[in-house]
C-alpha atoms as a PDB file:
ATOM      1  CA  MET A   1      10.261  -7.619 -12.386  1.00  0.00           C
ATOM      2  CA  GLY A   2       9.343  -4.104 -11.354  1.00  0.00           C
ATOM      3  CA  ALA A   3       5.544  -4.966 -11.574  1.00  0.00           C
ATOM      4  CA  ILE A   4       6.085  -7.994  -9.322  1.00  0.00           C
ATOM      5  CA  MET A   5       7.875  -5.849  -6.770  1.00  0.00           C
ATOM      6  CA  CYS A   6       5.111  -3.277  -6.795  1.00  0.00           C
ATOM      7  CA  LEU A   7       2.322  -5.841  -6.561  1.00  0.00           C
ATOM      8  CA  GLY A   8       4.137  -7.417  -3.688  1.00  0.00           C
ATOM      9  CA  VAL A   9       4.416  -4.231  -1.636  1.00  0.00           C
ATOM     10  CA  ALA A  10       0.808  -3.287  -2.407  1.00  0.00           C
ATOM     11  CA  THR A  11      -0.410  -6.740  -1.348  1.00  0.00           C
ATOM     12  CA  ALA A  12       1.528  -6.524   1.947  1.00  0.00           C
ATOM     13  CA  ASN A  13       0.145  -2.982   2.545  1.00  0.00           C
ATOM     14  CA  SER A  14      -3.381  -4.120   1.816  1.00  0.00           C
ATOM     15  CA  VAL A  15      -3.099  -7.098   4.237  1.00  0.00           C
ATOM     16  CA  LEU A  16      -1.878  -4.759   6.869  1.00  0.00           C
ATOM     17  CA  VAL A  17      -4.797  -2.339   6.506  1.00  0.00           C
ATOM     18  CA  VAL A  18      -7.562  -4.991   6.130  1.00  0.00           C
ATOM     19  CA  THR A  19      -6.317  -7.046   9.050  1.00  0.00           C
ATOM     20  CA  PHE A  20      -6.329  -3.809  11.213  1.00  0.00           C
ATOM     21  CA  ALA A  21      -9.955  -3.086   9.960  1.00  0.00           C
ATOM     22  CA  ARG A  22     -11.107  -6.619  10.722  1.00  0.00           C
ATOM     23  CA  THR A  23      -9.656  -6.350  14.238  1.00  0.00           C
ATOM     24  CA  ASN A  24     -11.571  -3.148  14.720  1.00  0.00           C
ATOM     25  CA  LEU A  25     -14.799  -4.742  13.365  1.00  0.00           C
ATOM     26  CA  GLN A  26     -14.414  -7.557  15.887  1.00  0.00           C
ATOM     27  CA  GLU A  27     -14.034  -5.132  18.753  1.00  0.00           C
ATOM     28  CA  GLY A  28     -17.385  -3.741  17.875  1.00  0.00           C
ATOM     29  CA  MET A  29     -16.767  -0.694  15.636  1.00  0.00           C
ATOM     30  CA  THR A  30     -19.053   0.039  12.789  1.00  0.00           C
ATOM     31  CA  PRO A  31     -17.670  -0.671   9.305  1.00  0.00           C
ATOM     32  CA  VAL A  32     -17.261   3.035   8.518  1.00  0.00           C
ATOM     33  CA  LYS A  33     -15.369   3.719  11.783  1.00  0.00           C
ATOM     34  CA  ALA A  34     -13.232   0.558  11.353  1.00  0.00           C
ATOM     35  CA  ALA A  35     -12.284   1.417   7.775  1.00  0.00           C
ATOM     36  CA  TRP A  36     -11.457   5.032   8.853  1.00  0.00           C
ATOM     37  CA  GLU A  37      -9.382   3.945  11.753  1.00  0.00           C
ATOM     38  CA  ALA A  38      -7.648   1.357   9.651  1.00  0.00           C
ATOM     39  CA  GLY A  39      -6.867   3.824   6.937  1.00  0.00           C
ATOM     40  CA  THR A  40      -5.544   6.492   9.213  1.00  0.00           C
ATOM     41  CA  GLY A  41      -3.918   4.334  11.745  1.00  0.00           C
ATOM     42  CA  ARG A  42      -1.880   2.352   9.179  1.00  0.00           C
ATOM     43  CA  LEU A  43      -1.055   5.269   6.860  1.00  0.00           C
ATOM     44  CA  ARG A  44       2.421   5.819   8.363  1.00  0.00           C
ATOM     45  CA  PRO A  45       3.544   2.185   8.066  1.00  0.00           C
ATOM     46  CA  VAL A  46       2.252   2.115   4.456  1.00  0.00           C
ATOM     47  CA  LEU A  47       4.081   5.347   3.548  1.00  0.00           C
ATOM     48  CA  MET A  48       7.271   4.091   5.212  1.00  0.00           C
ATOM     49  CA  THR A  49       7.191   0.923   3.219  1.00  0.00           C
ATOM     50  CA  ALA A  50       6.674   2.855  -0.144  1.00  0.00           C
ATOM     51  CA  LEU A  51       9.425   5.275   0.862  1.00  0.00           C
ATOM     52  CA  ALA A  52      11.819   2.497   1.654  1.00  0.00           C
ATOM     53  CA  MET A  53      11.189   0.955  -1.760  1.00  0.00           C
ATOM     54  CA  ILE A  54      11.618   4.289  -3.572  1.00  0.00           C
ATOM     55  CA  ILE A  55      14.882   4.993  -1.736  1.00  0.00           C
ATOM     56  CA  GLY A  56      16.044   1.550  -2.505  1.00  0.00           C
ATOM     57  CA  MET A  57      15.466   2.016  -6.216  1.00  0.00           C
ATOM     58  CA  VAL A  58      17.284   5.413  -6.532  1.00  0.00           C
ATOM     59  CA  PRO A  59      20.793   3.836  -7.316  1.00  0.00           C
ATOM     60  CA  MET A  60      19.252   1.669  -9.998  1.00  0.00           C
ATOM     61  CA  ALA A  61      17.258   4.699 -11.437  1.00  0.00           C
ATOM     62  CA  LEU A  62      20.417   6.721 -11.630  1.00  0.00           C
ATOM     63  CA  GLY A  63      22.006   4.150 -13.954  1.00  0.00           C
ATOM     64  CA  LEU A  64      25.605   4.762 -12.734  1.00  0.00           C
ATOM     65  CA  GLY A  65      28.381   2.285 -13.426  1.00  0.00           C
ATOM     66  CA  GLU A  66      28.898  -0.216 -16.065  1.00  0.00           C
ATOM     67  CA  GLY A  67      25.679  -1.419 -17.717  1.00  0.00           C
ATOM     68  CA  GLY A  68      23.658   0.795 -15.362  1.00  0.00           C
ATOM     69  CA  GLU A  69      21.827   2.367 -18.381  1.00  0.00           C
ATOM     70  CA  GLN A  70      20.126  -0.977 -19.011  1.00  0.00           C
ATOM     71  CA  ASN A  71      18.531  -1.157 -15.550  1.00  0.00           C
ATOM     72  CA  ALA A  72      17.741   2.543 -15.150  1.00  0.00           C
ATOM     73  CA  PRO A  73      14.292   2.427 -16.896  1.00  0.00           C
ATOM     74  CA  LEU A  74      13.265  -0.449 -14.460  1.00  0.00           C
ATOM     75  CA  GLY A  75      14.313   1.637 -11.449  1.00  0.00           C
ATOM     76  CA  ARG A  76      12.398   4.692 -12.745  1.00  0.00           C
ATOM     77  CA  ALA A  77       9.331   2.703 -13.341  1.00  0.00           C
ATOM     78  CA  VAL A  78       9.353   1.106  -9.958  1.00  0.00           C
ATOM     79  CA  ILE A  79       9.888   4.558  -8.333  1.00  0.00           C
ATOM     80  CA  GLY A  80       6.828   5.905 -10.207  1.00  0.00           C
ATOM     81  CA  GLY A  81       4.709   2.854  -9.382  1.00  0.00           C
ATOM     82  CA  PRO A  82       4.024   3.391  -5.721  1.00  0.00           C
ATOM     83  CA  ASP A  83       2.489   6.871  -6.010  1.00  0.00           C
ATOM     84  CA  PRO A  84      -0.643   5.978  -8.047  1.00  0.00           C
ATOM     85  CA  ARG A  85      -0.861   2.647  -6.255  1.00  0.00           C
ATOM     86  CA  ASP A  86      -0.975   4.180  -2.804  1.00  0.00           C
ATOM     87  CA  PHE A  87      -3.291   6.854  -3.980  1.00  0.00           C
ATOM     88  CA  CYS A  88      -5.746   4.296  -5.366  1.00  0.00           C
ATOM     89  CA  HIS A  89      -5.520   2.130  -2.327  1.00  0.00           C
ATOM     90  CA  ALA A  90      -6.165   5.182   0.000  1.00  0.00           C
ATOM     91  CA  LEU A  91      -9.270   6.057  -1.943  1.00  0.00           C
ATOM     92  CA  PHE A  92     -10.804   2.599  -2.624  1.00  0.00           C
ATOM     93  CA  ARG A  93      -9.734   0.193   0.198  1.00  0.00           C
ATOM     94  CA  PRO A  94     -11.911   1.866   2.973  1.00  0.00           C
ATOM     95  CA  GLY A  95     -14.912   1.825   0.747  1.00  0.00           C
ATOM     96  CA  ARG A  96     -14.419  -1.917  -0.020  1.00  0.00           C
ATOM     97  CA  ILE A  97     -14.030  -2.632   3.757  1.00  0.00           C
ATOM     98  CA  GLN A  98     -17.373  -0.984   4.438  1.00  0.00           C
ATOM     99  CA  ARG A  99     -19.100  -2.683   1.500  1.00  0.00           C
ATOM    100  CA  PHE A 100     -17.872  -6.195   2.172  1.00  0.00           C
ATOM    101  CA  ALA A 101     -18.095  -6.083   6.074  1.00  0.00           C
ATOM    102  CA  PRO A 102     -20.222  -8.850   7.513  1.00  0.00           C
ATOM    103  CA  LYS A 103     -23.865  -7.696   8.213  1.00  0.00           C
ATOM    104  CA  GLY A 104     -24.462  -6.932  11.733  1.00  0.00           C
ATOM    105  CA  SER A 105     -20.853  -6.119  12.538  1.00  0.00           C
ATOM    106  CA  GLY A 106     -20.440  -3.128  14.802  1.00  0.00           C
ATOM    107  CA  SER A 107     -23.157  -1.303  16.683  1.00  0.00           C
END
């Protein structure tokens, strides 16, 4: 369940950044510039989404209440998931945008 949630958020963030990069490519930017602008321009929404998911999982991770200790490990795993995921996406997504950009896009 936690992996599905993390994958869903990661996919949504990727679609957000790649769409922004493709728009930049269509406006005539070079692939390097489009990837950079997409990564920096969409950093705040991506971080806000990750932070919202982390804050939403805190009550589950605390394991308070009856039967809370059963769900606490799931909450903790989901909280720990966005950090490496966002780090990897910040490193690898711009390079993939540059690599797979259509030939002749940009100036």
